[in-house]
Amino acid sequence: MKKIILYIAASLDQRIAEPDGSLEWLTGFPNPEKTDYGYKELLSSVDTVIMGGRTYREIMNMDVIWPYPKQMTYVVVEN
Protein backbone atom coordinates (compact mmCIF):
# COMPACT_ATOMS: atom_id res chain seq x y z
CA MET A 1 0.00 0.00 0.00
CA LYS A 2 1.29 3.46 -0.92
CA LYS A 3 1.61 6.33 1.50
CA ILE A 4 -0.35 9.49 0.93
CA ILE A 5 1.53 12.67 1.80
CA LEU A 6 -0.18 16.03 1.62
CA TYR A 7 2.14 18.87 0.62
CA ILE A 8 0.63 22.31 0.37
CA ALA A 9 2.46 25.59 -0.01
CA ALA A 10 0.59 27.85 2.40
CA SER A 11 1.19 31.33 3.74
CA LEU A 12 1.43 32.03 7.47
CA ASP A 13 -2.19 33.16 7.38
CA GLN A 14 -3.10 29.75 5.87
CA ARG A 15 -3.81 30.91 2.33
CA ILE A 16 -2.84 28.68 -0.58
CA ALA A 17 -3.78 31.17 -3.30
CA GLU A 18 -5.20 34.62 -3.82
CA PRO A 19 -9.01 34.86 -4.20
CA ASP A 20 -8.57 34.94 -7.99
CA GLY A 21 -6.47 31.75 -7.85
CA SER A 22 -3.13 33.44 -8.51
CA LEU A 23 0.03 32.43 -6.69
CA GLU A 24 1.72 35.83 -6.58
CA TRP A 25 2.29 35.58 -2.83
CA LEU A 26 4.37 32.45 -3.44
CA THR A 27 6.37 33.58 -6.45
CA GLY A 28 7.23 36.86 -4.74
CA PHE A 29 8.83 35.11 -1.76
CA PRO A 30 12.43 36.33 -1.37
CA ASN A 31 14.92 33.48 -1.65
CA PRO A 32 18.28 34.96 -2.71
CA GLU A 33 20.16 31.72 -1.90
CA LYS A 34 17.74 29.70 -4.09
CA THR A 35 17.24 27.23 -1.22
CA ASP A 36 14.70 24.50 -1.97
CA TYR A 37 14.15 23.61 1.72
CA GLY A 38 14.17 19.87 0.96
CA TYR A 39 11.65 20.06 -1.88
CA LYS A 40 13.79 18.13 -4.41
CA GLU A 41 14.31 15.32 -1.92
CA LEU A 42 10.58 15.18 -1.16
CA LEU A 43 9.68 15.24 -4.85
CA SER A 44 12.06 12.39 -5.64
CA SER A 45 9.99 10.20 -3.30
CA VAL A 46 6.69 11.06 -5.01
CA ASP A 47 5.24 9.08 -7.91
CA THR A 48 1.82 10.77 -8.26
CA VAL A 49 0.73 14.41 -8.04
CA ILE A 50 -2.90 15.52 -7.66
CA MET A 51 -3.68 19.20 -8.11
CA GLY A 52 -6.65 21.43 -8.68
CA GLY A 53 -7.50 22.96 -12.02
CA ARG A 54 -6.64 26.49 -10.90
CA THR A 55 -3.19 25.42 -9.74
CA TYR A 56 -2.62 23.60 -13.02
CA ARG A 57 -3.62 26.68 -15.03
CA GLU A 58 -1.36 28.90 -12.92
CA ILE A 59 1.62 26.59 -13.51
CA MET A 60 0.89 26.46 -17.24
CA ASN A 61 0.83 30.29 -17.35
CA MET A 62 4.21 30.57 -15.62
CA ASP A 63 7.41 30.76 -17.60
CA VAL A 64 8.72 27.47 -16.15
CA ILE A 65 9.42 23.94 -17.29
CA TRP A 66 6.77 21.46 -16.11
CA PRO A 67 7.89 20.68 -12.52
CA TYR A 68 6.60 17.09 -12.41
CA PRO A 69 8.05 15.27 -15.44
CA LYS A 70 8.63 12.00 -13.55
CA GLN A 71 5.30 11.90 -11.73
CA MET A 72 1.89 10.80 -12.93
CA THR A 73 -0.22 13.94 -12.64
CA TYR A 74 -3.98 14.14 -12.15
CA VAL A 75 -5.79 17.46 -12.41
CA VAL A 76 -9.11 17.80 -10.59
CA VAL A 77 -11.45 20.29 -12.24
CA GLU A 78 -14.84 21.66 -11.20
CA ASN A 79 -17.90 21.25 -13.39
C-alpha atoms as a PDB file:
ATOM      1  CA  MET A   1       0.000   0.000   0.000  1.00  0.00           C
ATOM      2  CA  LYS A   2       1.290   3.456  -0.922  1.00  0.00           C
ATOM      3  CA  LYS A   3       1.612   6.333   1.500  1.00  0.00           C
ATOM      4  CA  ILE A   4      -0.353   9.490   0.926  1.00  0.00           C
ATOM      5  CA  ILE A   5       1.534  12.668   1.799  1.00  0.00           C
ATOM      6  CA  LEU A   6      -0.180  16.030   1.620  1.00  0.00           C
ATOM      7  CA  TYR A   7       2.143  18.867   0.618  1.00  0.00           C
ATOM      8  CA  ILE A   8       0.626  22.313   0.366  1.00  0.00           C
ATOM      9  CA  ALA A   9       2.461  25.594  -0.009  1.00  0.00           C
ATOM     10  CA  ALA A  10       0.588  27.847   2.397  1.00  0.00           C
ATOM     11  CA  SER A  11       1.191  31.326   3.739  1.00  0.00           C
ATOM     12  CA  LEU A  12       1.434  32.029   7.467  1.00  0.00           C
ATOM     13  CA  ASP A  13      -2.185  33.163   7.383  1.00  0.00           C
ATOM     14  CA  GLN A  14      -3.101  29.751   5.869  1.00  0.00           C
ATOM     15  CA  ARG A  15      -3.807  30.909   2.325  1.00  0.00           C
ATOM     16  CA  ILE A  16      -2.841  28.685  -0.576  1.00  0.00           C
ATOM     17  CA  ALA A  17      -3.777  31.173  -3.297  1.00  0.00           C
ATOM     18  CA  GLU A  18      -5.202  34.623  -3.822  1.00  0.00           C
ATOM     19  CA  PRO A  19      -9.010  34.856  -4.195  1.00  0.00           C
ATOM     20  CA  ASP A  20      -8.568  34.939  -7.990  1.00  0.00           C
ATOM     21  CA  GLY A  21      -6.468  31.748  -7.847  1.00  0.00           C
ATOM     22  CA  SER A  22      -3.135  33.438  -8.509  1.00  0.00           C
ATOM     23  CA  LEU A  23       0.030  32.425  -6.688  1.00  0.00           C
ATOM     24  CA  GLU A  24       1.722  35.826  -6.578  1.00  0.00           C
ATOM     25  CA  TRP A  25       2.288  35.583  -2.825  1.00  0.00           C
ATOM     26  CA  LEU A  26       4.373  32.450  -3.438  1.00  0.00           C
ATOM     27  CA  THR A  27       6.373  33.576  -6.454  1.00  0.00           C
ATOM     28  CA  GLY A  28       7.232  36.863  -4.739  1.00  0.00           C
ATOM     29  CA  PHE A  29       8.832  35.113  -1.758  1.00  0.00           C
ATOM     30  CA  PRO A  30      12.432  36.333  -1.374  1.00  0.00           C
ATOM     31  CA  ASN A  31      14.921  33.479  -1.648  1.00  0.00           C
ATOM     32  CA  PRO A  32      18.276  34.956  -2.706  1.00  0.00           C
ATOM     33  CA  GLU A  33      20.159  31.723  -1.904  1.00  0.00           C
ATOM     34  CA  LYS A  34      17.737  29.699  -4.087  1.00  0.00           C
ATOM     35  CA  THR A  35      17.244  27.225  -1.225  1.00  0.00           C
ATOM     36  CA  ASP A  36      14.702  24.499  -1.966  1.00  0.00           C
ATOM     37  CA  TYR A  37      14.153  23.611   1.723  1.00  0.00           C
ATOM     38  CA  GLY A  38      14.174  19.866   0.958  1.00  0.00           C
ATOM     39  CA  TYR A  39      11.650  20.062  -1.876  1.00  0.00           C
ATOM     40  CA  LYS A  40      13.794  18.126  -4.406  1.00  0.00           C
ATOM     41  CA  GLU A  41      14.312  15.316  -1.919  1.00  0.00           C
ATOM     42  CA  LEU A  42      10.578  15.176  -1.162  1.00  0.00           C
ATOM     43  CA  LEU A  43       9.679  15.244  -4.851  1.00  0.00           C
ATOM     44  CA  SER A  44      12.060  12.392  -5.639  1.00  0.00           C
ATOM     45  CA  SER A  45       9.993  10.196  -3.295  1.00  0.00           C
ATOM     46  CA  VAL A  46       6.685  11.064  -5.006  1.00  0.00           C
ATOM     47  CA  ASP A  47       5.238   9.085  -7.907  1.00  0.00           C
ATOM     48  CA  THR A  48       1.823  10.767  -8.258  1.00  0.00           C
ATOM     49  CA  VAL A  49       0.727  14.408  -8.042  1.00  0.00           C
ATOM     50  CA  ILE A  50      -2.901  15.519  -7.660  1.00  0.00           C
ATOM     51  CA  MET A  51      -3.682  19.199  -8.113  1.00  0.00           C
ATOM     52  CA  GLY A  52      -6.645  21.434  -8.681  1.00  0.00           C
ATOM     53  CA  GLY A  53      -7.500  22.961 -12.021  1.00  0.00           C
ATOM     54  CA  ARG A  54      -6.639  26.494 -10.904  1.00  0.00           C
ATOM     55  CA  THR A  55      -3.190  25.417  -9.745  1.00  0.00           C
ATOM     56  CA  TYR A  56      -2.624  23.597 -13.015  1.00  0.00           C
ATOM     57  CA  ARG A  57      -3.619  26.677 -15.034  1.00  0.00           C
ATOM     58  CA  GLU A  58      -1.356  28.901 -12.921  1.00  0.00           C
ATOM     59  CA  ILE A  59       1.615  26.592 -13.514  1.00  0.00           C
ATOM     60  CA  MET A  60       0.885  26.464 -17.241  1.00  0.00           C
ATOM     61  CA  ASN A  61       0.826  30.292 -17.353  1.00  0.00           C
ATOM     62  CA  MET A  62       4.208  30.572 -15.620  1.00  0.00           C
ATOM     63  CA  ASP A  63       7.408  30.758 -17.601  1.00  0.00           C
ATOM     64  CA  VAL A  64       8.716  27.473 -16.146  1.00  0.00           C
ATOM     65  CA  ILE A  65       9.420  23.940 -17.289  1.00  0.00           C
ATOM     66  CA  TRP A  66       6.767  21.459 -16.106  1.00  0.00           C
ATOM     67  CA  PRO A  67       7.891  20.684 -12.517  1.00  0.00           C
ATOM     68  CA  TYR A  68       6.598  17.088 -12.410  1.00  0.00           C
ATOM     69  CA  PRO A  69       8.047  15.268 -15.442  1.00  0.00           C
ATOM     70  CA  LYS A  70       8.635  12.000 -13.553  1.00  0.00           C
ATOM     71  CA  GLN A  71       5.305  11.899 -11.732  1.00  0.00           C
ATOM     72  CA  MET A  72       1.894  10.796 -12.934  1.00  0.00           C
ATOM     73  CA  THR A  73      -0.216  13.944 -12.637  1.00  0.00           C
ATOM     74  CA  TYR A  74      -3.978  14.137 -12.149  1.00  0.00           C
ATOM     75  CA  VAL A  75      -5.793  17.462 -12.410  1.00  0.00           C
ATOM     76  CA  VAL A  76      -9.114  17.797 -10.585  1.00  0.00           C
ATOM     77  CA  VAL A  77     -11.450  20.292 -12.241  1.00  0.00           C
ATOM     78  CA  GLU A  78     -14.835  21.656 -11.202  1.00  0.00           C
ATOM     79  CA  ASN A  79     -17.901  21.248 -13.394  1.00  0.00           C
END
